[in-house]
């Protein structure tokens, strides 16, 4: 039974690497989840926040990117030095935020 489970995991990992990961966009929650499933999300930022629905949102940018003085120009939705996950952009000062340094 264990040999079959191992073979299933190998096939699943191959599928995620060859099919799922190439179809994801950089710096998205979908890509972060695929990298986490592969055990390769160690280089990503760990800052978190909560949206208005109470859902936890985790930054999808590379670790070490955060610069509170590099404010985003919200016109084009680029994050500057702040945290980003899909359409959410935030800094570490919000009440619902957990900075990467605290994890």
PDB file of N, CA and C in Angstrom:
ATOM      1  N   UNK A   1       0.807  -1.187   0.000  1.00  0.00           N
ATOM      2  CA  UNK A   1       0.000   0.000   0.000  1.00  0.00           C
ATOM      3  C   UNK A   1       0.860   1.265   0.000  1.00  0.00           C
ATOM      4  N   UNK A   2       1.921   1.290   0.780  1.00  0.00           N
ATOM      5  CA  UNK A   2       2.771   2.474   0.831  1.00  0.00           C
ATOM      6  C   UNK A   2       3.416   2.768  -0.519  1.00  0.00           C
ATOM      7  N   UNK A   3       3.789   1.746  -1.226  1.00  0.00           N
ATOM      8  CA  UNK A   3       4.425   1.947  -2.526  1.00  0.00           C
ATOM      9  C   UNK A   3       3.444   2.613  -3.496  1.00  0.00           C
ATOM     10  N   UNK A   4       2.205   2.218  -3.439  1.00  0.00           N
ATOM     11  CA  UNK A   4       1.191   2.829  -4.297  1.00  0.00           C
ATOM     12  C   UNK A   4       0.959   4.294  -3.911  1.00  0.00           C
ATOM     13  N   UNK A   5       0.890   4.576  -2.612  1.00  0.00           N
ATOM     14  CA  UNK A   5       0.717   5.955  -2.153  1.00  0.00           C
ATOM     15  C   UNK A   5       1.884   6.824  -2.606  1.00  0.00           C
ATOM     16  N   UNK A   6       3.082   6.288  -2.523  1.00  0.00           N
ATOM     17  CA  UNK A   6       4.269   7.032  -2.954  1.00  0.00           C
ATOM     18  C   UNK A   6       4.201   7.321  -4.455  1.00  0.00           C
ATOM     19  N   UNK A   7       3.788   6.328  -5.225  1.00  0.00           N
ATOM     20  CA  UNK A   7       3.659   6.513  -6.675  1.00  0.00           C
ATOM     21  C   UNK A   7       2.599   7.575  -6.995  1.00  0.00           C
ATOM     22  N   UNK A   8       1.504   7.574  -6.229  1.00  0.00           N
ATOM     23  CA  UNK A   8       0.467   8.587  -6.420  1.00  0.00           C
ATOM     24  C   UNK A   8       1.009   9.980  -6.124  1.00  0.00           C
ATOM     25  N   UNK A   9       1.799  10.115  -5.067  1.00  0.00           N
ATOM     26  CA  UNK A   9       2.386  11.408  -4.720  1.00  0.00           C
ATOM     27  C   UNK A   9       3.366  11.884  -5.787  1.00  0.00           C
ATOM     28  N   UNK A  10       4.134  10.976  -6.344  1.00  0.00           N
ATOM     29  CA  UNK A  10       5.074  11.325  -7.412  1.00  0.00           C
ATOM     30  C   UNK A  10       4.314  11.820  -8.638  1.00  0.00           C
ATOM     31  N   UNK A  11       3.221  11.148  -9.002  1.00  0.00           N
ATOM     32  CA  UNK A  11       2.406  11.588 -10.134  1.00  0.00           C
ATOM     33  C   UNK A  11       1.765  12.948  -9.865  1.00  0.00           C
ATOM     34  N   UNK A  12       1.291  13.145  -8.644  1.00  0.00           N
ATOM     35  CA  UNK A  12       0.682  14.423  -8.284  1.00  0.00           C
ATOM     36  C   UNK A  12       1.717  15.546  -8.350  1.00  0.00           C
ATOM     37  N   UNK A  13       2.897  15.313  -7.820  1.00  0.00           N
ATOM     38  CA  UNK A  13       3.948  16.334  -7.877  1.00  0.00           C
ATOM     39  C   UNK A  13       4.302  16.656  -9.321  1.00  0.00           C
ATOM     40  N   UNK A  14       4.404  15.652 -10.158  1.00  0.00           N
ATOM     41  CA  UNK A  14       4.710  15.864 -11.573  1.00  0.00           C
ATOM     42  C   UNK A  14       3.621  16.707 -12.240  1.00  0.00           C
ATOM     43  N   UNK A  15       2.371  16.404 -11.927  1.00  0.00           N
ATOM     44  CA  UNK A  15       1.252  17.162 -12.483  1.00  0.00           C
ATOM     45  C   UNK A  15       1.321  18.633 -12.060  1.00  0.00           C
ATOM     46  N   UNK A  16       1.567  18.874 -10.780  1.00  0.00           N
ATOM     47  CA  UNK A  16       1.632  20.255 -10.288  1.00  0.00           C
ATOM     48  C   UNK A  16       2.782  20.998 -10.959  1.00  0.00           C
ATOM     49  N   UNK A  17       3.960  20.362 -11.056  1.00  0.00           N
ATOM     50  CA  UNK A  17       5.129  21.009 -11.672  1.00  0.00           C
ATOM     51  C   UNK A  17       4.939  21.273 -13.168  1.00  0.00           C
ATOM     52  N   UNK A  18       4.366  20.312 -13.877  1.00  0.00           N
ATOM     53  CA  UNK A  18       4.296  20.408 -15.337  1.00  0.00           C
ATOM     54  C   UNK A  18       3.020  21.079 -15.855  1.00  0.00           C
ATOM     55  N   UNK A  19       1.945  21.033 -15.099  1.00  0.00           N
ATOM     56  CA  UNK A  19       0.676  21.544 -15.586  1.00  0.00           C
ATOM     57  C   UNK A  19       0.180  22.763 -14.810  1.00  0.00           C
ATOM     58  N   UNK A  20       0.146  22.657 -13.497  1.00  0.00           N
ATOM     59  CA  UNK A  20      -0.423  23.736 -12.682  1.00  0.00           C
ATOM     60  C   UNK A  20       0.516  24.932 -12.605  1.00  0.00           C
ATOM     61  N   UNK A  21       1.745  24.719 -12.189  1.00  0.00           N
ATOM     62  CA  UNK A  21       2.683  25.825 -11.969  1.00  0.00           C
ATOM     63  C   UNK A  21       2.921  26.674 -13.217  1.00  0.00           C
ATOM     64  N   UNK A  22       3.130  26.087 -14.393  1.00  0.00           N
ATOM     65  CA  UNK A  22       3.339  26.920 -15.582  1.00  0.00           C
ATOM     66  C   UNK A  22       2.122  27.773 -15.963  1.00  0.00           C
ATOM     67  N   UNK A  23       0.943  27.404 -15.509  1.00  0.00           N
ATOM     68  CA  UNK A  23      -0.270  28.152 -15.853  1.00  0.00           C
ATOM     69  C   UNK A  23      -0.604  29.254 -14.853  1.00  0.00           C
ATOM     70  N   UNK A  24       0.201  29.386 -13.807  1.00  0.00           N
ATOM     71  CA  UNK A  24      -0.076  30.425 -12.818  1.00  0.00           C
ATOM     72  C   UNK A  24       0.749  31.666 -13.127  1.00  0.00           C
ATOM     73  N   UNK A  25       0.193  32.801 -12.744  1.00  0.00           N
ATOM     74  CA  UNK A  25       0.902  34.067 -12.924  1.00  0.00           C
ATOM     75  C   UNK A  25       1.780  34.322 -11.707  1.00  0.00           C
ATOM     76  N   UNK A  26       2.917  35.002 -11.903  1.00  0.00           N
ATOM     77  CA  UNK A  26       3.775  35.343 -10.759  1.00  0.00           C
ATOM     78  C   UNK A  26       3.019  36.206  -9.747  1.00  0.00           C
ATOM     79  N   UNK A  27       3.358  36.049  -8.501  1.00  0.00           N
ATOM     80  CA  UNK A  27       2.841  36.870  -7.401  1.00  0.00           C
ATOM     81  C   UNK A  27       1.329  36.784  -7.246  1.00  0.00           C
ATOM     82  N   UNK A  28       0.783  35.582  -7.421  1.00  0.00           N
ATOM     83  CA  UNK A  28      -0.642  35.354  -7.196  1.00  0.00           C
ATOM     84  C   UNK A  28      -0.808  34.289  -6.119  1.00  0.00           C
ATOM     85  N   UNK A  29      -1.979  34.288  -5.504  1.00  0.00           N
ATOM     86  CA  UNK A  29      -2.269  33.286  -4.479  1.00  0.00           C
ATOM     87  C   UNK A  29      -2.242  31.886  -5.072  1.00  0.00           C
ATOM     88  N   UNK A  30      -2.722  31.736  -6.297  1.00  0.00           N
ATOM     89  CA  UNK A  30      -2.717  30.425  -6.947  1.00  0.00           C
ATOM     90  C   UNK A  30      -1.290  29.889  -7.078  1.00  0.00           C
ATOM     91  N   UNK A  31      -0.361  30.747  -7.493  1.00  0.00           N
ATOM     92  CA  UNK A  31       1.034  30.313  -7.625  1.00  0.00           C
ATOM     93  C   UNK A  31       1.623  29.994  -6.253  1.00  0.00           C
ATOM     94  N   UNK A  32       1.323  30.832  -5.251  1.00  0.00           N
ATOM     95  CA  UNK A  32       1.830  30.573  -3.908  1.00  0.00           C
ATOM     96  C   UNK A  32       1.352  29.210  -3.411  1.00  0.00           C
ATOM     97  N   UNK A  33       0.082  28.891  -3.634  1.00  0.00           N
ATOM     98  CA  UNK A  33      -0.450  27.592  -3.192  1.00  0.00           C
ATOM     99  C   UNK A  33       0.238  26.428  -3.895  1.00  0.00           C
ATOM    100  N   UNK A  34       0.514  26.583  -5.177  1.00  0.00           N
ATOM    101  CA  UNK A  34       1.219  25.526  -5.908  1.00  0.00           C
ATOM    102  C   UNK A  34       2.632  25.353  -5.346  1.00  0.00           C
ATOM    103  N   UNK A  35       3.321  26.459  -5.081  1.00  0.00           N
ATOM    104  CA  UNK A  35       4.665  26.378  -4.510  1.00  0.00           C
ATOM    105  C   UNK A  35       4.639  25.777  -3.110  1.00  0.00           C
ATOM    106  N   UNK A  36       3.630  26.120  -2.321  1.00  0.00           N
ATOM    107  CA  UNK A  36       3.494  25.532  -0.989  1.00  0.00           C
ATOM    108  C   UNK A  36       3.277  24.026  -1.078  1.00  0.00           C
ATOM    109  N   UNK A  37       2.455  23.597  -2.028  1.00  0.00           N
ATOM    110  CA  UNK A  37       2.197  22.162  -2.201  1.00  0.00           C
ATOM    111  C   UNK A  37       3.470  21.419  -2.564  1.00  0.00           C
ATOM    112  N   UNK A  38       4.356  22.083  -3.286  1.00  0.00           N
ATOM    113  CA  UNK A  38       5.624  21.475  -3.671  1.00  0.00           C
ATOM    114  C   UNK A  38       6.702  21.635  -2.594  1.00  0.00           C
ATOM    115  N   UNK A  39       6.392  22.386  -1.541  1.00  0.00           N
ATOM    116  CA  UNK A  39       7.370  22.635  -0.488  1.00  0.00           C
ATOM    117  C   UNK A  39       8.424  23.645  -0.892  1.00  0.00           C
ATOM    118  N   UNK A  40       8.089  24.534  -1.827  1.00  0.00           N
ATOM    119  CA  UNK A  40       9.064  25.473  -2.367  1.00  0.00           C
ATOM    120  C   UNK A  40       8.674  26.936  -2.155  1.00  0.00           C
ATOM    121  N   UNK A  41       7.896  27.207  -1.133  1.00  0.00           N
ATOM    122  CA  UNK A  41       7.462  28.577  -0.870  1.00  0.00           C
ATOM    123  C   UNK A  41       8.351  29.270   0.160  1.00  0.00           C
ATOM    124  N   UNK A  42       9.461  28.675   0.504  1.00  0.00           N
ATOM    125  CA  UNK A  42      10.340  29.224   1.529  1.00  0.00           C
ATOM    126  C   UNK A  42      10.902  30.591   1.202  1.00  0.00           C
ATOM    127  N   UNK A  43      10.991  30.949  -0.069  1.00  0.00           N
ATOM    128  CA  UNK A  43      11.535  32.239  -0.459  1.00  0.00           C
ATOM    129  C   UNK A  43      10.493  33.336  -0.575  1.00  0.00           C
ATOM    130  N   UNK A  44       9.253  33.029  -0.181  1.00  0.00           N
ATOM    131  CA  UNK A  44       8.179  34.022  -0.285  1.00  0.00           C
ATOM    132  C   UNK A  44       7.950  34.720   1.050  1.00  0.00           C
ATOM    133  N   UNK A  45       7.475  35.935   0.988  1.00  0.00           N
ATOM    134  CA  UNK A  45       7.148  36.734   2.161  1.00  0.00           C
ATOM    135  C   UNK A  45       6.054  36.015   2.964  1.00  0.00           C
ATOM    136  N   UNK A  46       6.085  36.165   4.271  1.00  0.00           N
ATOM    137  CA  UNK A  46       5.088  35.510   5.121  1.00  0.00           C
ATOM    138  C   UNK A  46       4.131  36.493   5.779  1.00  0.00           C
ATOM    139  N   UNK A  47       4.155  37.761   5.369  1.00  0.00           N
ATOM    140  CA  UNK A  47       3.250  38.759   5.947  1.00  0.00           C
ATOM    141  C   UNK A  47       1.804  38.396   5.620  1.00  0.00           C
ATOM    142  N   UNK A  48       0.917  38.689   6.568  1.00  0.00           N
ATOM    143  CA  UNK A  48      -0.495  38.351   6.407  1.00  0.00           C
ATOM    144  C   UNK A  48      -1.376  39.532   6.791  1.00  0.00           C
ATOM    145  N   UNK A  49      -2.583  39.512   6.263  1.00  0.00           N
ATOM    146  CA  UNK A  49      -3.603  40.470   6.670  1.00  0.00           C
ATOM    147  C   UNK A  49      -4.956  39.779   6.558  1.00  0.00           C
ATOM    148  N   UNK A  50      -5.993  40.456   6.973  1.00  0.00           N
ATOM    149  CA  UNK A  50      -7.363  39.944   6.831  1.00  0.00           C
ATOM    150  C   UNK A  50      -8.149  40.925   5.984  1.00  0.00           C
ATOM    151  N   UNK A  51      -8.957  40.383   5.074  1.00  0.00           N
ATOM    152  CA  UNK A  51      -9.803  41.270   4.271  1.00  0.00           C
ATOM    153  C   UNK A  51     -11.095  41.568   5.022  1.00  0.00           C
ATOM    154  N   UNK A  52     -11.982  42.323   4.427  1.00  0.00           N
ATOM    155  CA  UNK A  52     -13.223  42.721   5.095  1.00  0.00           C
ATOM    156  C   UNK A  52     -14.136  41.535   5.407  1.00  0.00           C
ATOM    157  N   UNK A  53     -13.949  40.408   4.710  1.00  0.00           N
ATOM    158  CA  UNK A  53     -14.729  39.196   4.986  1.00  0.00           C
ATOM    159  C   UNK A  53     -14.118  38.360   6.098  1.00  0.00           C
ATOM    160  N   UNK A  54     -12.930  38.750   6.567  1.00  0.00           N
ATOM    161  CA  UNK A  54     -12.243  37.996   7.614  1.00  0.00           C
ATOM    162  C   UNK A  54     -11.307  36.926   7.087  1.00  0.00           C
ATOM    163  N   UNK A  55     -11.182  36.820   5.762  1.00  0.00           N
ATOM    164  CA  UNK A  55     -10.281  35.826   5.177  1.00  0.00           C
ATOM    165  C   UNK A  55      -8.824  36.256   5.357  1.00  0.00           C
ATOM    166  N   UNK A  56      -7.962  35.307   5.658  1.00  0.00           N
ATOM    167  CA  UNK A  56      -6.533  35.591   5.782  1.00  0.00           C
ATOM    168  C   UNK A  56      -5.924  35.647   4.389  1.00  0.00           C
ATOM    169  N   UNK A  57      -5.151  36.696   4.147  1.00  0.00           N
ATOM    170  CA  UNK A  57      -4.472  36.882   2.865  1.00  0.00           C
ATOM    171  C   UNK A  57      -2.979  36.892   3.148  1.00  0.00           C
ATOM    172  N   UNK A  58      -2.218  36.096   2.414  1.00  0.00           N
ATOM    173  CA  UNK A  58      -0.769  36.005   2.609  1.00  0.00           C
ATOM    174  C   UNK A  58      -0.072  36.647   1.414  1.00  0.00           C
ATOM    175  N   UNK A  59       0.934  37.441   1.702  1.00  0.00           N
ATOM    176  CA  UNK A  59       1.688  38.124   0.649  1.00  0.00           C
ATOM    177  C   UNK A  59       2.259  37.108  -0.338  1.00  0.00           C
ATOM    178  N   UNK A  60       2.268  37.465  -1.603  1.00  0.00           N
ATOM    179  CA  UNK A  60       2.755  36.557  -2.644  1.00  0.00           C
ATOM    180  C   UNK A  60       4.074  37.022  -3.256  1.00  0.00           C
ATOM    181  N   UNK A  61       4.669  38.072  -2.698  1.00  0.00           N
ATOM    182  CA  UNK A  61       5.944  38.577  -3.216  1.00  0.00           C
ATOM    183  C   UNK A  61       7.114  37.841  -2.571  1.00  0.00           C
ATOM    184  N   UNK A  62       8.296  38.045  -3.109  1.00  0.00           N
ATOM    185  CA  UNK A  62       9.489  37.408  -2.562  1.00  0.00           C
ATOM    186  C   UNK A  62       9.823  37.972  -1.187  1.00  0.00           C
ATOM    187  N   UNK A  63      10.398  37.147  -0.338  1.00  0.00           N
ATOM    188  CA  UNK A  63      10.823  37.590   0.988  1.00  0.00           C
ATOM    189  C   UNK A  63      11.821  38.732   0.845  1.00  0.00           C
ATOM    190  N   UNK A  64      11.768  39.661   1.782  1.00  0.00           N
ATOM    191  CA  UNK A  64      12.706  40.770   1.799  1.00  0.00           C
ATOM    192  C   UNK A  64      12.320  41.960   0.952  1.00  0.00           C
ATOM    193  N   UNK A  65      11.154  41.943   0.352  1.00  0.00           N
ATOM    194  CA  UNK A  65      10.732  43.026  -0.542  1.00  0.00           C
ATOM    195  C   UNK A  65      10.213  44.244   0.204  1.00  0.00           C
ATOM    196  N   UNK A  66       9.779  44.079   1.438  1.00  0.00           N
ATOM    197  CA  UNK A  66       8.995  45.113   2.129  1.00  0.00           C
ATOM    198  C   UNK A  66       9.798  46.370   2.424  1.00  0.00           C
ATOM    199  N   UNK A  67       9.244  47.501   2.033  1.00  0.00           N
ATOM    200  CA  UNK A  67       9.816  48.812   2.311  1.00  0.00           C
ATOM    201  C   UNK A  67       8.651  49.757   2.572  1.00  0.00           C
ATOM    202  N   UNK A  68       8.396  50.103   3.848  1.00  0.00           N
ATOM    203  CA  UNK A  68       7.229  50.930   4.160  1.00  0.00           C
ATOM    204  C   UNK A  68       7.279  52.313   3.517  1.00  0.00           C
ATOM    205  N   UNK A  69       8.464  52.784   3.164  1.00  0.00           N
ATOM    206  CA  UNK A  69       8.586  54.109   2.550  1.00  0.00           C
ATOM    207  C   UNK A  69       8.318  54.100   1.050  1.00  0.00           C
ATOM    208  N   UNK A  70       8.292  52.918   0.432  1.00  0.00           N
ATOM    209  CA  UNK A  70       8.036  52.800  -1.006  1.00  0.00           C
ATOM    210  C   UNK A  70       6.535  52.586  -1.211  1.00  0.00           C
ATOM    211  N   UNK A  71       5.780  53.655  -1.055  1.00  0.00           N
ATOM    212  CA  UNK A  71       4.321  53.581  -1.129  1.00  0.00           C
ATOM    213  C   UNK A  71       3.866  53.305  -2.562  1.00  0.00           C
ATOM    214  N   UNK A  72       2.833  52.479  -2.697  1.00  0.00           N
ATOM    215  CA  UNK A  72       2.350  52.154  -4.038  1.00  0.00           C
ATOM    216  C   UNK A  72       1.585  53.311  -4.678  1.00  0.00           C
ATOM    217  N   UNK A  73       1.802  53.523  -5.959  1.00  0.00           N
ATOM    218  CA  UNK A  73       0.979  54.490  -6.691  1.00  0.00           C
ATOM    219  C   UNK A  73      -0.310  53.776  -7.093  1.00  0.00           C
ATOM    220  N   UNK A  74      -1.357  53.958  -6.354  1.00  0.00           N
ATOM    221  CA  UNK A  74      -2.559  53.155  -6.523  1.00  0.00           C
ATOM    222  C   UNK A  74      -3.212  53.269  -7.886  1.00  0.00           C
ATOM    223  N   UNK A  75      -2.784  54.189  -8.715  1.00  0.00           N
ATOM    224  CA  UNK A  75      -3.355  54.311 -10.054  1.00  0.00           C
ATOM    225  C   UNK A  75      -3.140  53.050 -10.878  1.00  0.00           C
ATOM    226  N   UNK A  76      -1.938  52.482 -10.810  1.00  0.00           N
ATOM    227  CA  UNK A  76      -1.667  51.298 -11.625  1.00  0.00           C
ATOM    228  C   UNK A  76      -1.587  50.015 -10.802  1.00  0.00           C
ATOM    229  N   UNK A  77      -1.884  50.097  -9.518  1.00  0.00           N
ATOM    230  CA  UNK A  77      -1.978  48.933  -8.623  1.00  0.00           C
ATOM    231  C   UNK A  77      -0.671  48.166  -8.464  1.00  0.00           C
ATOM    232  N   UNK A  78       0.462  48.800  -8.747  1.00  0.00           N
ATOM    233  CA  UNK A  78       1.734  48.141  -8.465  1.00  0.00           C
ATOM    234  C   UNK A  78       2.026  48.325  -6.986  1.00  0.00           C
ATOM    235  N   UNK A  79       2.578  47.304  -6.328  1.00  0.00           N
ATOM    236  CA  UNK A  79       2.687  47.378  -4.878  1.00  0.00           C
ATOM    237  C   UNK A  79       3.771  48.293  -4.332  1.00  0.00           C
ATOM    238  N   UNK A  80       4.687  48.781  -5.131  1.00  0.00           N
ATOM    239  CA  UNK A  80       5.797  49.527  -4.553  1.00  0.00           C
ATOM    240  C   UNK A  80       6.562  48.582  -3.650  1.00  0.00           C
ATOM    241  N   UNK A  81       6.830  48.981  -2.433  1.00  0.00           N
ATOM    242  CA  UNK A  81       7.518  48.105  -1.488  1.00  0.00           C
ATOM    243  C   UNK A  81       6.590  47.446  -0.497  1.00  0.00           C
ATOM    244  N   UNK A  82       5.279  47.641  -0.648  1.00  0.00           N
ATOM    245  CA  UNK A  82       4.312  47.061   0.278  1.00  0.00           C
ATOM    246  C   UNK A  82       4.002  45.612  -0.084  1.00  0.00           C
ATOM    247  N   UNK A  83       3.192  44.978   0.749  1.00  0.00           N
ATOM    248  CA  UNK A  83       2.796  43.583   0.517  1.00  0.00           C
ATOM    249  C   UNK A  83       1.685  43.522  -0.527  1.00  0.00           C
ATOM    250  N   UNK A  84       1.620  42.383  -1.237  1.00  0.00           N
ATOM    251  CA  UNK A  84       0.625  42.223  -2.295  1.00  0.00           C
ATOM    252  C   UNK A  84       0.197  40.771  -2.385  1.00  0.00           C
ATOM    253  N   UNK A  85      -1.080  40.576  -2.627  1.00  0.00           N
ATOM    254  CA  UNK A  85      -1.641  39.256  -2.935  1.00  0.00           C
ATOM    255  C   UNK A  85      -2.844  39.508  -3.836  1.00  0.00           C
ATOM    256  N   UNK A  86      -2.720  39.101  -5.075  1.00  0.00           N
ATOM    257  CA  UNK A  86      -3.773  39.330  -6.064  1.00  0.00           C
ATOM    258  C   UNK A  86      -4.112  40.828  -6.097  1.00  0.00           C
ATOM    259  N   UNK A  87      -5.339  41.231  -5.769  1.00  0.00           N
ATOM    260  CA  UNK A  87      -5.722  42.644  -5.841  1.00  0.00           C
ATOM    261  C   UNK A  87      -5.501  43.389  -4.529  1.00  0.00           C
ATOM    262  N   UNK A  88      -5.057  42.706  -3.484  1.00  0.00           N
ATOM    263  CA  UNK A  88      -4.849  43.331  -2.179  1.00  0.00           C
ATOM    264  C   UNK A  88      -3.429  43.855  -2.031  1.00  0.00           C
ATOM    265  N   UNK A  89      -3.314  45.091  -1.531  1.00  0.00           N
ATOM    266  CA  UNK A  89      -2.019  45.708  -1.250  1.00  0.00           C
ATOM    267  C   UNK A  89      -2.106  46.299   0.157  1.00  0.00           C
ATOM    268  N   UNK A  90      -1.104  46.016   1.019  1.00  0.00           N
ATOM    269  CA  UNK A  90      -1.151  46.523   2.386  1.00  0.00           C
ATOM    270  C   UNK A  90       0.254  46.715   2.942  1.00  0.00           C
ATOM    271  N   UNK A  91       0.312  47.461   4.063  1.00  0.00           N
ATOM    272  CA  UNK A  91       1.580  47.605   4.771  1.00  0.00           C
ATOM    273  C   UNK A  91       1.456  46.934   6.139  1.00  0.00           C
ATOM    274  N   UNK A  92       2.531  46.928   6.914  1.00  0.00           N
ATOM    275  CA  UNK A  92       2.538  46.219   8.196  1.00  0.00           C
ATOM    276  C   UNK A  92       1.838  46.966   9.330  1.00  0.00           C
ATOM    277  N   UNK A  93       1.357  48.177   9.095  1.00  0.00           N
ATOM    278  CA  UNK A  93       0.816  48.991  10.170  1.00  0.00           C
ATOM    279  C   UNK A  93      -0.659  48.753  10.472  1.00  0.00           C
ATOM    280  N   UNK A  94      -1.374  48.052   9.612  1.00  0.00           N
ATOM    281  CA  UNK A  94      -2.795  47.822   9.820  1.00  0.00           C
ATOM    282  C   UNK A  94      -3.067  46.920  11.014  1.00  0.00           C
ATOM    283  N   UNK A  95      -4.197  47.131  11.667  1.00  0.00           N
ATOM    284  CA  UNK A  95      -4.554  46.354  12.861  1.00  0.00           C
ATOM    285  C   UNK A  95      -4.671  44.863  12.547  1.00  0.00           C
ATOM    286  N   UNK A  96      -5.100  44.508  11.338  1.00  0.00           N
ATOM    287  CA  UNK A  96      -5.307  43.106  10.984  1.00  0.00           C
ATOM    288  C   UNK A  96      -4.083  42.481  10.330  1.00  0.00           C
ATOM    289  N   UNK A  97      -2.931  43.146  10.414  1.00  0.00           N
ATOM    290  CA  UNK A  97      -1.732  42.677   9.718  1.00  0.00           C
ATOM    291  C   UNK A  97      -0.768  41.958  10.655  1.00  0.00           C
ATOM    292  N   UNK A  98      -0.127  40.933  10.129  1.00  0.00           N
ATOM    293  CA  UNK A  98       0.948  40.247  10.818  1.00  0.00           C
ATOM    294  C   UNK A  98       2.193  40.422   9.951  1.00  0.00           C
ATOM    295  N   UNK A  99       3.124  41.264  10.377  1.00  0.00           N
ATOM    296  CA  UNK A  99       4.327  41.487   9.572  1.00  0.00           C
ATOM    297  C   UNK A  99       5.138  40.204   9.418  1.00  0.00           C
ATOM    298  N   UNK A 100       5.894  40.127   8.372  1.00  0.00           N
ATOM    299  CA  UNK A 100       6.711  38.939   8.117  1.00  0.00           C
ATOM    300  C   UNK A 100       7.702  38.690   9.233  1.00  0.00           C
ATOM    301  N   UNK A 101       8.180  39.727   9.888  1.00  0.00           N
ATOM    302  CA  UNK A 101       9.164  39.562  10.953  1.00  0.00           C
ATOM    303  C   UNK A 101       8.569  38.910  12.186  1.00  0.00           C
ATOM    304  N   UNK A 102       7.244  38.919  12.334  1.00  0.00           N
ATOM    305  CA  UNK A 102       6.608  38.387  13.525  1.00  0.00           C
ATOM    306  C   UNK A 102       6.289  36.905  13.417  1.00  0.00           C
ATOM    307  N   UNK A 103       6.524  36.300  12.252  1.00  0.00           N
ATOM    308  CA  UNK A 103       6.168  34.883  12.071  1.00  0.00           C
ATOM    309  C   UNK A 103       7.403  34.018  12.182  1.00  0.00           C
TER     310      UNK A 103
END
